[in-house]
Protein backbone atom coordinates (compact mmCIF):
# COMPACT_ATOMS: atom_id res chain seq x y z
CA MET A 1 -11.06 20.47 -0.86
CA ILE A 2 -9.69 17.35 -2.52
CA ARG A 3 -7.57 16.57 0.56
CA ILE A 4 -10.76 16.49 2.61
CA LEU A 5 -12.66 14.34 0.12
CA LEU A 6 -9.94 11.72 -0.50
CA PRO A 7 -10.02 10.20 3.01
CA LEU A 8 -13.83 10.17 2.91
CA LEU A 9 -13.84 8.44 -0.47
CA PHE A 10 -11.21 6.01 0.77
CA THR A 11 -13.37 5.14 3.78
CA MET A 12 -16.39 4.55 1.52
CA LEU A 13 -14.36 2.29 -0.75
CA LEU A 14 -13.39 0.18 2.24
CA ALA A 15 -17.02 -0.72 2.82
CA SER A 16 -17.28 -2.58 -0.51
CA CYS A 17 -17.14 -6.38 -0.51
CA GLY A 18 -14.61 -8.54 -2.32
CA HIS A 19 -13.56 -12.06 -3.11
CA LYS A 20 -11.74 -14.59 -0.94
CA GLU A 21 -7.97 -14.64 -0.86
CA VAL A 22 -5.17 -15.90 1.35
CA VAL A 23 -3.79 -13.40 3.84
CA TYR A 24 -0.64 -14.44 5.65
CA ARG A 25 -0.48 -13.66 9.33
CA GLY A 26 2.30 -13.89 11.90
CA GLY A 27 4.07 -17.18 12.43
CA GLY A 28 3.96 -18.12 8.77
CA GLY A 29 0.45 -19.57 9.01
CA ALA A 30 -2.16 -18.77 6.39
CA ALA A 31 -5.69 -17.74 7.22
CA LEU A 32 -8.50 -17.44 4.71
CA ALA A 33 -9.78 -13.87 4.63
CA ASP A 34 -11.80 -11.90 2.16
CA SER A 35 -10.85 -8.63 0.55
CA SER A 36 -13.18 -6.69 2.81
CA GLN A 37 -11.17 -7.85 5.86
CA VAL A 38 -7.92 -6.79 4.22
CA LYS A 39 -9.42 -3.41 3.31
CA GLN A 40 -10.76 -2.94 6.83
CA ALA A 41 -7.30 -3.63 8.28
CA LEU A 42 -5.68 -1.28 5.74
CA ARG A 43 -8.19 1.47 6.53
CA ALA A 44 -7.55 1.24 10.26
CA HIS A 45 -3.79 1.25 9.66
CA TYR A 46 -4.07 4.20 7.29
CA GLN A 47 -6.10 6.17 9.83
CA LYS A 48 -3.30 5.72 12.39
CA TRP A 49 -0.63 6.87 9.93
CA GLN A 50 -2.57 9.42 7.84
CA GLY A 51 -0.60 12.64 7.44
CA THR A 52 2.60 11.24 8.95
CA PRO A 53 5.31 13.29 7.26
CA TYR A 54 7.68 11.77 4.74
CA ARG A 55 11.21 11.29 6.03
CA ALA A 56 13.87 9.40 4.06
CA GLY A 57 14.89 6.38 6.12
CA GLY A 58 12.07 7.04 8.60
CA MET A 59 10.20 4.25 10.38
CA SER A 60 8.15 6.06 13.02
CA PRO A 61 5.16 8.39 13.45
CA ALA A 62 7.69 11.25 13.39
CA GLY A 63 8.40 10.42 9.74
CA VAL A 64 8.37 7.47 7.36
CA ASP A 65 9.46 6.80 3.80
CA CYS A 66 7.53 4.71 1.27
CA SER A 67 9.37 1.41 1.76
CA GLY A 68 9.44 1.87 5.52
CA PHE A 69 5.67 2.36 5.52
CA ILE A 70 5.31 -0.88 3.53
CA GLN A 71 7.58 -2.78 5.91
CA LEU A 72 5.70 -1.50 8.97
CA THR A 73 2.30 -2.20 7.43
CA TYR A 74 3.12 -5.74 6.33
CA SER A 75 4.74 -6.54 9.65
CA GLN A 76 1.92 -5.15 11.77
CA LEU A 77 -1.02 -6.37 9.68
CA PHE A 78 0.19 -9.60 8.11
CA GLY A 79 3.18 -10.70 10.19
CA LEU A 80 5.45 -10.55 7.13
CA ASN A 81 8.74 -8.83 6.45
CA PRO A 82 8.78 -7.67 2.82
CA GLY A 83 12.24 -6.13 3.26
CA ARG A 84 13.25 -2.57 4.01
CA SER A 85 14.05 -1.15 0.57
CA THR A 86 11.87 -0.87 -2.52
CA GLU A 87 14.41 -3.12 -4.26
CA ASP A 88 13.99 -5.82 -1.58
CA GLN A 89 10.22 -5.51 -1.80
CA LEU A 90 10.26 -5.66 -5.58
CA ASN A 91 12.25 -8.90 -5.51
CA ARG A 92 9.86 -10.78 -3.20
CA GLY A 93 6.41 -12.21 -3.70
CA ARG A 94 5.04 -12.94 -7.13
CA SER A 95 4.21 -10.72 -10.05
CA VAL A 96 0.60 -9.62 -10.51
CA GLN A 97 -0.99 -8.20 -13.65
CA ARG A 98 -2.52 -4.75 -13.20
CA ARG A 99 -5.96 -6.07 -14.17
CA ASP A 100 -5.73 -8.69 -11.36
CA LEU A 101 -4.85 -6.38 -8.45
CA ARG A 102 -6.26 -7.25 -5.02
CA PRO A 103 -6.23 -5.37 -1.73
CA GLY A 104 -2.80 -5.67 -0.10
CA ASP A 105 -0.81 -6.03 -3.34
CA LEU A 106 2.28 -3.84 -3.57
CA LEU A 107 2.39 -1.33 -6.42
CA PHE A 108 5.72 -0.12 -7.77
CA PHE A 109 6.34 3.07 -9.68
CA ARG A 110 9.35 4.29 -11.62
CA THR A 111 9.53 7.92 -10.49
CA GLY A 112 12.94 8.75 -11.92
CA LEU A 113 15.81 7.21 -13.83
CA PHE A 114 16.89 5.20 -10.79
CA ASP A 115 14.11 6.02 -8.34
CA ARG A 116 11.24 3.76 -7.37
CA HIS A 117 8.18 4.32 -5.20
CA VAL A 118 5.94 1.72 -3.55
CA GLY A 119 2.38 1.73 -2.23
CA ILE A 120 -0.27 -0.77 -1.12
CA TYR A 121 -3.25 -1.36 -3.37
CA PHE A 122 -6.62 -0.83 -1.77
CA ASP A 123 -9.40 -1.15 -4.37
CA ASP A 124 -10.82 0.42 -7.50
CA GLY A 125 -7.49 2.03 -8.44
CA TRP A 126 -6.81 3.51 -4.98
CA PHE A 127 -3.64 2.87 -3.01
CA VAL A 128 -2.04 3.95 0.28
CA HIS A 129 1.53 5.21 0.37
CA ALA A 130 4.02 7.58 1.96
CA SER A 131 4.26 10.48 -0.46
CA ALA A 132 7.32 12.72 -0.38
CA SER A 133 5.06 15.78 -0.70
CA GLN A 134 1.98 14.76 1.34
CA GLY A 135 3.21 12.15 3.81
CA VAL A 136 1.04 9.07 4.31
CA THR A 137 -1.92 9.51 2.00
CA VAL A 138 -4.18 7.80 -0.54
CA SER A 139 -3.88 8.29 -4.29
CA THR A 140 -5.46 6.85 -7.40
CA LEU A 141 -3.91 5.07 -10.35
CA LYS A 142 -6.37 7.07 -12.47
CA ARG A 143 -4.28 10.18 -11.89
CA ASP A 144 -2.04 10.72 -14.92
CA TYR A 145 1.20 10.81 -12.89
CA TRP A 146 0.60 7.45 -11.17
CA ASP A 147 -0.75 5.84 -14.33
CA ARG A 148 2.30 6.95 -16.33
CA THR A 149 4.89 5.92 -13.71
CA TYR A 150 3.25 2.59 -12.73
CA SER A 151 5.76 -0.22 -13.22
CA THR A 152 4.57 -3.50 -11.69
CA ALA A 153 2.81 -5.15 -8.77
CA ARG A 154 3.77 -7.94 -6.38
CA ARG A 155 1.67 -10.20 -4.18
CA TYR A 156 2.92 -11.91 -1.02
């Protein structure tokens, strides 16, 4: 039941309005866009990739891993290359406090002694990511696991 409700809730969250922010697009130029435009783009992208299975090293609809999903999303939506690995992605952009998260920010999680996971913040604690168990999905930071393993966020 929850798997049915999450995409619906995610779609409803996308309809909410937000503040203005800079969204970088292809060619290195900056365009002023508001959070609702970023969320709309993320929703459409998520709908294309929803349920795509997790595959380590994957970068296609046949299978994608978390950092590959981030690289594809940032390239296709914003014309940016955040790097291929979670380590590359963690070392780019600027740090963002959890209380200041905006749609499009990257969220990093420490899921093991040496393991990291990355997702894209949407709004109100929700984020999109490629889960090893569920494939491309949405999750909430309010869930104990994600709250406990949350590490940092980066903004490009």
